[in-house]
C-alpha cells in the first residue's frame, strides 16, 4: 500500500450492519451479522456499527420491525470479531439510556450519538453519559447540508465540548457535492483545531466517495462506508471501493482489501433483495435534500395515494421535513391527493 508520510492515518468505520439494515428492511439475522462482522474484522475495519437502521430502540411498527433485538445483534458481532470495536447508533428521542446500558453489557465499546445539525444540545446527556461509562463517542451532525459552514461549526463545537471523541459532518440526504463537504469540514477544523473529525456520505448524487475524499483533504480523519454501498436510499460510500480508492490516492487506512471484497461478494451479495442503485426516488431525495430513510415510506405513500413519488419528495424538501417526522409523509401525501 502506498502512503504519504505527510498525511494522517485514516480510520475506516463500517455501517453495513446498521445503515445497511435499511436496504433489507432490518431483517439481517444474527448469523448474517456474525459472518459479515467477521469479514469486516479480517478486512481491518476498526469500528463496526450494528443493530436497527435508525439506531437502538427503533425496532417498531413505525420504523420497521427488526429480525432480532439490538442486544442480540451486538452479541453476534462481538462474538465474531477479534480486533474491531462494536458500535451502536443512539438517536435522542428514539433510544433510551437503559437501552444503551443493555448494549454496553452486551459488549459495545463505541456509541455514535446522532442529532439534527441544529440540535447539538440534544446530544449533551447521552454523550456525557456514554463517556462516564467508558465508551468512545462519535457524534453525528445529521443533515449537515441544512446549515452553512460557520453555524454548523458552532454546533459541532458544542458536541466537542460535551466530550465527543469524533464529530461528524453527515450528508444524511446525499445532497452535498465535494466543495460543500470540504467547506463544512474546514469550518469544523477551524473551530476545533484538535478535534477528530469524521465524514459520513450518501450516494444519491453519485458522489459519495468524492465527498469522502474532499472531507479528508479538508481535515477529516474518520470515514464511514458500507459493503456493496448498502444504506438508506441510494446507500453509503462503498466500503470495499473506498478502501481501494484511498489506497490508490495514497491514504493509509490499515484496511485489507481482499477480505472486504470477499465478504461483499460471497456473504453479503446473496442476501440483497435488490441492487443498491441510484433510482429516481433516491436521486430526488438527494436533489431535494430529504432524509434518506424517507425512501421506502415515500414509495409506499406514492402507491397508496396514486401520486408521483417525485412530487411528494419535492414537497417534503420544500417544507423542510427532517428525520423523526416520518409520519408527515402520509399526511402530506393525503393533502396532495385531496388537492388534486
Protein backbone atom coordinates (compact mmCIF):
# COMPACT_ATOMS: atom_id res chain seq x y z
CA UNK A 1 0.00 0.00 0.00
CA UNK A 2 1.39 3.36 -0.98
CA UNK A 3 1.46 6.00 1.71
CA UNK A 4 2.16 9.68 2.04
CA UNK A 5 4.03 10.45 5.27
CA UNK A 6 2.56 13.95 5.42
CA UNK A 7 -0.97 12.62 5.68
CA UNK A 8 -2.55 11.32 8.88
CA UNK A 9 -3.70 7.73 9.06
CA UNK A 10 -7.38 7.34 8.20
CA UNK A 11 -9.78 5.32 10.33
CA UNK A 12 -12.45 3.41 8.42
CA UNK A 13 -15.80 2.70 10.07
CA UNK A 14 -18.29 0.30 8.51
CA UNK A 15 -22.05 0.71 8.85
CA UNK A 16 -23.29 -2.20 6.71
CA UNK A 17 -24.94 -3.78 9.75
CA UNK A 18 -26.72 -0.59 10.83
CA UNK A 19 -27.36 1.86 7.98
CA UNK A 20 -27.34 -1.12 5.63
CA UNK A 21 -30.21 -2.63 7.60
CA UNK A 22 -32.49 -0.18 5.75
CA UNK A 23 -31.68 -1.99 2.49
CA UNK A 24 -33.01 -5.30 3.83
CA UNK A 25 -35.95 -3.97 5.88
CA UNK A 26 -33.90 -4.53 9.06
CA UNK A 27 -34.03 -8.30 8.52
CA UNK A 28 -30.41 -9.38 8.75
CA UNK A 29 -30.27 -12.38 11.05
CA UNK A 30 -27.84 -12.72 13.94
CA UNK A 31 -25.93 -15.26 11.82
CA UNK A 32 -25.72 -12.79 8.94
CA UNK A 33 -24.34 -10.18 11.35
CA UNK A 34 -21.78 -12.63 12.70
CA UNK A 35 -20.49 -13.57 9.25
CA UNK A 36 -20.34 -10.03 7.92
CA UNK A 37 -18.73 -8.65 11.10
CA UNK A 38 -16.06 -11.36 10.93
CA UNK A 39 -15.27 -10.42 7.34
CA UNK A 40 -15.05 -6.73 8.18
CA UNK A 41 -12.76 -7.51 11.10
CA UNK A 42 -10.50 -9.58 8.84
CA UNK A 43 -10.52 -6.65 6.43
CA UNK A 44 -9.02 -4.33 9.04
CA UNK A 45 -12.11 -2.25 9.80
CA UNK A 46 -11.60 -0.79 13.28
CA UNK A 47 -15.21 0.06 14.16
CA UNK A 48 -18.30 -1.86 13.07
CA UNK A 49 -21.75 -0.39 13.67
CA UNK A 50 -24.67 -2.79 14.20
CA UNK A 51 -28.40 -3.01 15.09
CA UNK A 52 -31.52 -1.34 13.67
CA UNK A 53 -31.10 1.07 10.77
CA UNK A 54 -32.40 4.02 12.80
CA UNK A 55 -30.43 3.10 15.90
CA UNK A 56 -31.10 1.21 19.09
CA UNK A 57 -34.65 1.27 20.32
CA UNK A 58 -36.07 1.87 16.83
CA UNK A 59 -37.46 -1.59 16.10
CA UNK A 60 -41.20 -0.90 15.87
CA UNK A 61 -44.18 -0.70 13.56
CA UNK A 62 -43.34 2.94 12.84
CA UNK A 63 -39.67 2.45 11.95
CA UNK A 64 -39.69 -1.21 10.87
CA UNK A 65 -39.50 -4.36 12.93
CA UNK A 66 -36.03 -5.90 13.07
CA UNK A 67 -35.45 -9.64 12.94
CA UNK A 68 -33.62 -9.60 16.30
CA UNK A 69 -33.18 -7.35 19.31
CA UNK A 70 -30.41 -4.78 19.46
CA UNK A 71 -28.54 -6.77 22.09
CA UNK A 72 -28.77 -9.97 20.04
CA UNK A 73 -27.18 -8.17 17.11
CA UNK A 74 -24.49 -6.72 19.36
CA UNK A 75 -23.62 -10.08 20.89
CA UNK A 76 -23.46 -11.74 17.48
CA UNK A 77 -20.97 -9.12 16.28
CA UNK A 78 -18.92 -9.02 19.50
CA UNK A 79 -18.51 -12.80 19.48
CA UNK A 80 -17.34 -12.77 15.85
CA UNK A 81 -14.53 -10.23 15.89
CA UNK A 82 -11.01 -10.25 17.28
CA UNK A 83 -9.96 -6.63 16.95
CA UNK A 84 -12.83 -4.37 15.91
CA UNK A 85 -14.85 -2.21 18.28
CA UNK A 86 -18.59 -2.82 18.01
CA UNK A 87 -20.73 0.32 17.97
CA UNK A 88 -24.40 1.27 18.03
CA UNK A 89 -26.25 4.39 16.95
CA UNK A 90 -28.07 6.42 19.61
CA UNK A 91 -30.67 8.92 18.38
CA UNK A 92 -32.13 11.03 21.21
CA UNK A 93 -35.89 10.66 21.17
CA UNK A 94 -35.69 7.11 19.82
CA UNK A 95 -33.07 5.45 22.02
CA UNK A 96 -33.04 5.45 25.83
CA UNK A 97 -30.19 5.26 28.29
CA UNK A 98 -31.36 1.86 29.65
CA UNK A 99 -31.20 0.52 26.09
CA UNK A 100 -27.67 1.87 25.82
CA UNK A 101 -26.81 0.17 29.12
CA UNK A 102 -28.06 -3.15 27.73
CA UNK A 103 -25.81 -2.75 24.68
CA UNK A 104 -22.84 -1.92 26.93
CA UNK A 105 -23.47 -5.12 28.84
CA UNK A 106 -23.65 -6.97 25.53
CA UNK A 107 -20.17 -5.72 24.62
CA UNK A 108 -20.16 -2.44 22.70
CA UNK A 109 -17.21 -0.12 23.25
CA UNK A 110 -18.32 2.72 20.95
CA UNK A 111 -21.56 4.68 20.62
CA UNK A 112 -22.47 7.07 17.82
CA UNK A 113 -24.79 9.83 19.04
CA UNK A 114 -26.77 11.36 16.17
CA UNK A 115 -28.52 14.74 16.40
CA UNK A 116 -30.05 17.02 13.81
CA UNK A 117 -27.47 19.61 12.75
CA UNK A 118 -29.33 22.44 14.52
CA UNK A 119 -29.88 20.50 17.75
CA UNK A 120 -26.47 19.71 19.22
CA UNK A 121 -27.88 20.39 22.68
CA UNK A 122 -29.85 17.13 22.41
CA UNK A 123 -26.57 15.24 22.42
CA UNK A 124 -25.25 16.55 25.72
CA UNK A 125 -26.85 14.00 28.04
CA UNK A 126 -26.12 10.82 26.04
CA UNK A 127 -22.58 11.91 25.17
CA UNK A 128 -21.67 12.66 28.78
CA UNK A 129 -23.44 9.52 29.99
CA UNK A 130 -21.55 7.36 27.49
CA UNK A 131 -18.21 8.95 28.38
CA UNK A 132 -18.88 8.26 32.07
CA UNK A 133 -19.46 4.63 31.09
CA UNK A 134 -16.07 4.46 29.40
CA UNK A 135 -17.31 4.40 25.81
CA UNK A 136 -15.72 6.05 22.83
CA UNK A 137 -18.25 8.55 21.49
CA UNK A 138 -18.68 9.52 17.86
CA UNK A 139 -21.22 12.30 17.32
CA UNK A 140 -23.23 12.99 14.15
CA UNK A 141 -24.46 16.31 12.83
CA UNK A 142 -27.22 14.85 10.67
CA UNK A 143 -28.46 16.67 7.58
CA UNK A 144 -25.34 18.86 7.64
CA UNK A 145 -26.38 20.50 4.38
CA UNK A 146 -29.16 22.32 6.26
CA UNK A 147 -26.62 24.70 7.83
CA UNK A 148 -23.94 26.84 6.26
CA UNK A 149 -20.38 26.10 7.30
CA UNK A 150 -19.97 28.55 10.20
CA UNK A 151 -23.24 27.76 12.02
CA UNK A 152 -22.53 24.05 11.53
CA UNK A 153 -19.11 24.51 13.14
CA UNK A 154 -20.76 26.19 16.12
CA UNK A 155 -22.99 23.17 16.58
CA UNK A 156 -20.03 20.84 16.20
CA UNK A 157 -18.08 22.74 18.83
CA UNK A 158 -20.91 22.07 21.27
CA UNK A 159 -20.65 18.33 20.67
CA UNK A 160 -16.91 18.52 21.23
CA UNK A 161 -17.43 20.44 24.47
CA UNK A 162 -19.69 17.66 25.75
CA UNK A 163 -16.84 15.18 25.34
CA UNK A 164 -17.38 13.64 21.90
CA UNK A 165 -14.23 11.92 20.65
CA UNK A 166 -15.22 12.35 16.99
CA UNK A 167 -17.52 14.97 15.44
CA UNK A 168 -19.02 14.12 12.06
CA UNK A 169 -20.22 16.11 9.10
CA UNK A 170 -23.09 13.88 7.90
CA UNK A 171 -24.71 14.14 4.48
CA UNK A 172 -27.84 12.25 5.52
CA UNK A 173 -29.76 13.17 2.37
CA UNK A 174 -26.96 12.70 -0.15
CA UNK A 175 -27.48 16.37 -1.05
CA UNK A 176 -23.92 17.68 -1.00
CA UNK A 177 -21.18 17.78 -3.60
CA UNK A 178 -17.45 17.82 -2.74
CA UNK A 179 -17.00 21.57 -2.38
CA UNK A 180 -19.87 21.72 0.11
CA UNK A 181 -18.41 18.93 2.23
CA UNK A 182 -14.94 20.47 2.16
CA UNK A 183 -16.26 23.87 3.20
CA UNK A 184 -18.06 22.43 6.21
CA UNK A 185 -15.18 20.23 7.34
CA UNK A 186 -12.76 23.16 7.06
CA UNK A 187 -15.07 25.23 9.24
CA UNK A 188 -15.30 22.43 11.81
CA UNK A 189 -11.49 22.12 11.79
CA UNK A 190 -11.06 25.88 12.28
CA UNK A 191 -13.49 25.87 15.19
CA UNK A 192 -11.93 22.77 16.79
CA UNK A 193 -8.26 22.50 15.82
CA UNK A 194 -7.61 19.44 17.98
CA UNK A 195 -10.91 17.61 17.45
CA UNK A 196 -11.02 14.37 15.47
CA UNK A 197 -13.45 14.86 12.58
CA UNK A 198 -15.38 12.35 10.50
CA UNK A 199 -17.48 12.29 7.33
CA UNK A 200 -20.50 10.13 6.54
CA UNK A 201 -21.78 10.39 2.98
CA UNK A 202 -24.73 9.07 0.98
CA UNK A 203 -24.64 8.39 -2.73
CA UNK A 204 -27.86 9.99 -4.01
CA UNK A 205 -25.97 12.21 -6.45
CA UNK A 206 -23.32 9.60 -7.19
CA UNK A 207 -20.53 11.45 -5.38
CA UNK A 208 -20.31 9.66 -2.01
CA UNK A 209 -16.66 8.66 -2.42
CA UNK A 210 -15.75 12.01 -3.95
CA UNK A 211 -17.31 13.66 -0.91
CA UNK A 212 -15.23 11.46 1.40
CA UNK A 213 -12.04 12.46 -0.43
CA UNK A 214 -12.99 16.14 -0.17
CA UNK A 215 -13.63 15.74 3.54
CA UNK A 216 -10.25 14.10 4.06
CA UNK A 217 -8.42 16.83 2.19
CA UNK A 218 -10.22 19.38 4.40
CA UNK A 219 -9.14 17.75 7.66
CA UNK A 220 -11.32 14.74 8.49
CA UNK A 221 -9.56 11.53 9.52
CA UNK A 222 -12.52 9.16 10.13
CA UNK A 223 -14.67 7.91 7.23
CA UNK A 224 -17.78 5.75 7.02
CA UNK A 225 -18.72 3.21 4.41
CA UNK A 226 -20.79 0.09 3.89
CA UNK A 227 -20.18 -3.05 1.89
CA UNK A 228 -21.83 -3.02 -1.55
CA UNK A 229 -22.84 0.55 -0.67
CA UNK A 230 -25.78 -0.59 1.45
CA UNK A 231 -27.73 2.05 3.33
CA UNK A 232 -30.85 4.14 3.35
CA UNK A 233 -31.98 5.37 -0.06
CA UNK A 234 -29.03 5.25 -2.52
CA UNK A 235 -26.75 3.97 0.22
CA UNK A 236 -23.36 4.99 1.55
CA UNK A 237 -19.84 5.21 0.19
CA UNK A 238 -18.99 1.60 -0.69
CA UNK A 239 -16.51 0.24 1.84
CA UNK A 240 -14.52 -2.03 -0.46
CA UNK A 241 -14.40 0.62 -3.20
CA UNK A 242 -13.50 3.26 -0.63
CA UNK A 243 -10.61 1.10 0.66
CA UNK A 244 -9.25 0.68 -2.86
CA UNK A 245 -9.72 4.37 -3.69
CA UNK A 246 -7.98 5.56 -0.54
CA UNK A 247 -5.06 3.22 -1.21
CA UNK A 248 -4.77 4.49 -4.76
CA UNK A 249 -4.90 8.09 -3.51
CA UNK A 250 -2.10 7.48 -1.05
CA UNK A 251 -4.02 7.41 2.25
CA UNK A 252 -3.03 4.83 4.84
CA UNK A 253 -6.05 3.05 6.32
CA UNK A 254 -4.82 -0.32 7.55
CA UNK A 255 -7.60 -1.94 5.50
CA UNK A 256 -7.07 -5.33 3.90
CA UNK A 257 -8.95 -5.07 0.61
CA UNK A 258 -9.50 -8.69 -0.35
CA UNK A 259 -11.33 -9.89 2.77
CA UNK A 260 -13.62 -6.88 2.29
CA UNK A 261 -14.25 -7.78 -1.34
CA UNK A 262 -14.80 -11.45 -0.50
CA UNK A 263 -17.28 -10.59 2.26
CA UNK A 264 -19.15 -8.20 -0.02
CA UNK A 265 -19.34 -10.68 -2.89
CA UNK A 266 -19.68 -14.04 -1.18
CA UNK A 267 -21.55 -13.24 2.04
CA UNK A 268 -23.49 -10.03 1.53
CA UNK A 269 -24.45 -10.03 -2.16
CA UNK A 270 -26.58 -13.20 -1.90
CA UNK A 271 -28.59 -11.58 0.91
CA UNK A 272 -29.54 -8.48 -1.09
CA UNK A 273 -33.10 -8.37 -2.41
CA UNK A 274 -32.34 -5.64 -4.93
CA UNK A 275 -29.14 -3.96 -6.15
CA UNK A 276 -28.21 -0.72 -4.39
CA UNK A 277 -28.69 1.80 -7.18
CA UNK A 278 -29.48 5.48 -7.68
CA UNK A 279 -33.04 5.25 -8.96
CA UNK A 280 -35.49 8.13 -9.42
CA UNK A 281 -36.58 8.23 -5.78
CA UNK A 282 -33.03 8.08 -4.45
CA UNK A 283 -31.93 10.83 -6.83
CA UNK A 284 -34.82 13.03 -5.81
CA UNK A 285 -34.10 12.51 -2.11
CA UNK A 286 -30.64 13.93 -2.68
CA UNK A 287 -31.75 16.65 -5.05
CA UNK A 288 -34.50 17.81 -2.67
CA UNK A 289 -32.35 17.41 0.44
CA UNK A 290 -34.72 14.96 2.12
CA UNK A 291 -33.62 12.46 4.78
CA UNK A 292 -32.54 9.19 3.17
CA UNK A 293 -34.70 6.96 5.41
CA UNK A 294 -37.77 8.54 3.74
CA UNK A 295 -37.02 6.39 0.66
CA UNK A 296 -39.35 3.43 1.33
CA UNK A 297 -42.12 5.34 3.16
CA UNK A 298 -42.36 7.76 0.25
CA UNK A 299 -42.64 4.93 -2.27
CA UNK A 300 -45.42 3.36 -0.22
CA UNK A 301 -47.25 6.69 0.11
CA UNK A 302 -46.97 7.30 -3.63
CA UNK A 303 -48.55 3.92 -4.38
CA UNK A 304 -51.26 4.37 -1.75
CA UNK A 305 -52.42 7.78 -2.94
CA UNK A 306 -51.68 7.42 -6.64
CA UNK A 307 -49.18 10.26 -6.67
CA UNK A 308 -45.77 10.61 -8.32
CA UNK A 309 -43.10 9.96 -5.71
CA UNK A 310 -41.14 12.94 -7.01
CA UNK A 311 -43.97 15.32 -6.15
CA UNK A 312 -44.12 14.04 -2.57
CA UNK A 313 -40.35 14.27 -2.15
CA UNK A 314 -40.12 17.77 -3.53
CA UNK A 315 -42.89 18.88 -1.18
CA UNK A 316 -41.13 17.24 1.79
CA UNK A 317 -37.99 19.15 0.85
CA UNK A 318 -39.90 22.41 0.44
CA UNK A 319 -41.39 22.03 3.92
CA UNK A 320 -38.04 21.13 5.48
CA UNK A 321 -39.26 17.83 6.96
CA UNK A 322 -36.47 16.13 8.94
CA UNK A 323 -35.70 12.70 10.39
CA UNK A 324 -38.18 11.72 13.08
CA UNK A 325 -41.09 13.24 11.14
CA UNK A 326 -41.80 10.19 9.00
CA UNK A 327 -45.50 10.37 9.92
CA UNK A 328 -45.68 13.62 7.95
CA UNK A 329 -45.12 11.71 4.69
CA UNK A 330 -48.61 10.21 4.85
CA UNK A 331 -50.16 13.49 5.99
CA UNK A 332 -48.58 15.44 3.15
CA UNK A 333 -49.41 12.79 0.54
CA UNK A 334 -53.02 12.76 1.74
CA UNK A 335 -53.20 16.56 1.49
CA UNK A 336 -51.77 16.48 -2.01
CA UNK A 337 -54.19 13.77 -3.14
CA UNK A 338 -57.18 15.71 -1.81
CA UNK A 339 -55.97 18.88 -3.50
CA UNK A 340 -55.89 17.05 -6.82
